[in-house]
Amino acid sequence: MQPVSIGHVILKLLDEEISIQQGQLVYLDAGVKHALSGVQKSVVLLTIVL
């Protein structure tokens, strides 16, 4: 597998869509309904803080 150097996903919320590219960080409050759609091959790190 080749390393991914470019990533692009769309974060879909109830009332908006946010374009997320390599190196960006997004914070969501607990309980926010969301979905991710890949625009380009991407690797996404998800961190859940309890």
N, C-alpha and C. Protein backbone atom coordinates (compact mmCIF):
# COMPACT_ATOMS: atom_id res chain seq x y z
N MET A 1 0.84 -1.18 0.00
CA MET A 1 0.00 0.00 0.00
C MET A 1 0.88 1.25 0.00
N GLN A 2 0.57 2.20 -0.83
CA GLN A 2 1.33 3.45 -0.93
C GLN A 2 0.91 4.41 0.19
N PRO A 3 1.83 5.19 0.74
CA PRO A 3 1.46 6.19 1.74
C PRO A 3 0.51 7.22 1.15
N VAL A 4 -0.42 7.69 1.96
CA VAL A 4 -1.37 8.71 1.51
C VAL A 4 -0.81 10.08 1.86
N SER A 5 -0.58 10.90 0.86
CA SER A 5 -0.02 12.23 1.11
C SER A 5 -1.08 13.32 0.99
N ILE A 6 -2.20 13.00 0.38
CA ILE A 6 -3.27 13.97 0.23
C ILE A 6 -4.54 13.33 0.75
N GLY A 7 -5.27 14.04 1.58
CA GLY A 7 -6.53 13.54 2.09
C GLY A 7 -7.58 14.62 2.04
N HIS A 8 -8.82 14.21 1.81
CA HIS A 8 -9.92 15.16 1.77
C HIS A 8 -11.20 14.40 2.06
N VAL A 9 -11.89 14.81 3.13
CA VAL A 9 -13.17 14.23 3.49
C VAL A 9 -14.18 15.35 3.73
N ILE A 10 -15.46 14.99 3.69
CA ILE A 10 -16.53 15.91 4.00
C ILE A 10 -17.18 15.43 5.30
N LEU A 11 -17.24 16.30 6.29
CA LEU A 11 -17.93 16.03 7.54
C LEU A 11 -19.34 16.56 7.40
N LYS A 12 -20.32 15.67 7.48
CA LYS A 12 -21.72 16.07 7.32
C LYS A 12 -22.38 16.14 8.69
N LEU A 13 -22.92 17.33 8.99
CA LEU A 13 -23.69 17.55 10.21
C LEU A 13 -25.14 17.76 9.81
N LEU A 14 -26.03 17.92 10.76
CA LEU A 14 -27.45 18.07 10.44
C LEU A 14 -27.72 19.29 9.55
N ASP A 15 -27.00 20.40 9.81
CA ASP A 15 -27.31 21.64 9.10
C ASP A 15 -26.17 22.19 8.24
N GLU A 16 -25.08 21.46 8.12
CA GLU A 16 -23.97 21.94 7.29
C GLU A 16 -23.02 20.81 6.91
N GLU A 17 -22.21 21.09 5.91
CA GLU A 17 -21.14 20.18 5.51
C GLU A 17 -19.82 20.93 5.61
N ILE A 18 -18.81 20.28 6.18
CA ILE A 18 -17.51 20.91 6.38
C ILE A 18 -16.47 20.13 5.59
N SER A 19 -15.74 20.82 4.73
CA SER A 19 -14.66 20.21 3.97
C SER A 19 -13.43 20.15 4.86
N ILE A 20 -12.87 18.96 5.03
CA ILE A 20 -11.70 18.77 5.89
C ILE A 20 -10.57 18.22 5.03
N GLN A 21 -9.42 18.91 5.06
CA GLN A 21 -8.27 18.47 4.30
C GLN A 21 -7.13 18.12 5.23
N GLN A 22 -6.08 17.60 4.68
CA GLN A 22 -4.93 17.13 5.44
C GLN A 22 -4.46 18.18 6.45
N GLY A 23 -4.27 17.74 7.70
CA GLY A 23 -3.73 18.60 8.74
C GLY A 23 -4.77 19.38 9.53
N GLN A 24 -6.04 19.31 9.15
CA GLN A 24 -7.06 20.07 9.86
C GLN A 24 -7.60 19.26 11.03
N LEU A 25 -8.11 19.98 12.03
CA LEU A 25 -8.67 19.39 13.24
C LEU A 25 -10.09 19.89 13.42
N VAL A 26 -10.99 18.99 13.81
CA VAL A 26 -12.38 19.36 14.07
C VAL A 26 -12.76 18.82 15.44
N TYR A 27 -13.47 19.63 16.21
CA TYR A 27 -13.97 19.21 17.52
C TYR A 27 -15.49 19.24 17.49
N LEU A 28 -16.12 18.14 17.93
CA LEU A 28 -17.58 18.08 18.02
C LEU A 28 -17.97 17.85 19.47
N ASP A 29 -19.03 18.50 19.90
CA ASP A 29 -19.57 18.25 21.23
C ASP A 29 -20.17 16.84 21.28
N ALA A 30 -20.30 16.29 22.46
CA ALA A 30 -20.88 14.96 22.64
C ALA A 30 -22.30 14.93 22.09
N GLY A 31 -22.65 13.84 21.44
CA GLY A 31 -24.00 13.63 20.96
C GLY A 31 -24.34 14.26 19.62
N VAL A 32 -23.38 14.95 18.98
CA VAL A 32 -23.64 15.58 17.69
C VAL A 32 -23.67 14.49 16.62
N LYS A 33 -24.78 14.39 15.90
CA LYS A 33 -24.89 13.40 14.82
C LYS A 33 -24.06 13.87 13.64
N HIS A 34 -23.29 12.93 13.07
CA HIS A 34 -22.40 13.29 11.97
C HIS A 34 -22.11 12.07 11.10
N ALA A 35 -21.54 12.34 9.94
CA ALA A 35 -21.09 11.29 9.01
C ALA A 35 -19.90 11.84 8.24
N LEU A 36 -19.05 10.94 7.77
CA LEU A 36 -17.89 11.31 6.95
C LEU A 36 -18.03 10.69 5.57
N SER A 37 -17.67 11.46 4.56
CA SER A 37 -17.62 10.95 3.19
C SER A 37 -16.25 11.27 2.62
N GLY A 38 -15.61 10.28 2.03
CA GLY A 38 -14.30 10.49 1.44
C GLY A 38 -14.39 11.13 0.06
N VAL A 39 -13.62 12.18 -0.15
CA VAL A 39 -13.51 12.82 -1.45
C VAL A 39 -12.29 12.27 -2.17
N GLN A 40 -11.19 12.10 -1.41
CA GLN A 40 -9.96 11.48 -1.91
C GLN A 40 -9.58 10.39 -0.91
N LYS A 41 -8.66 9.53 -1.31
CA LYS A 41 -8.16 8.54 -0.36
C LYS A 41 -7.61 9.28 0.85
N SER A 42 -8.03 8.84 2.02
CA SER A 42 -7.67 9.56 3.25
C SER A 42 -7.51 8.59 4.40
N VAL A 43 -6.75 9.02 5.38
CA VAL A 43 -6.65 8.34 6.65
C VAL A 43 -7.10 9.34 7.70
N VAL A 44 -8.06 8.93 8.55
CA VAL A 44 -8.64 9.84 9.53
C VAL A 44 -8.37 9.28 10.93
N LEU A 45 -7.88 10.14 11.81
CA LEU A 45 -7.64 9.76 13.20
C LEU A 45 -8.81 10.27 14.03
N LEU A 46 -9.52 9.36 14.70
CA LEU A 46 -10.65 9.71 15.55
C LEU A 46 -10.22 9.53 16.99
N THR A 47 -10.37 10.59 17.80
CA THR A 47 -10.04 10.52 19.21
C THR A 47 -11.30 10.85 20.01
N ILE A 48 -11.66 9.96 20.93
CA ILE A 48 -12.84 10.16 21.78
C ILE A 48 -12.34 10.42 23.19
N VAL A 49 -12.73 11.55 23.75
CA VAL A 49 -12.32 11.90 25.12
C VAL A 49 -13.50 11.63 26.04
N LEU A 50 -13.28 10.80 27.02
CA LEU A 50 -14.34 10.46 27.97
C LEU A 50 -14.22 11.25 29.25
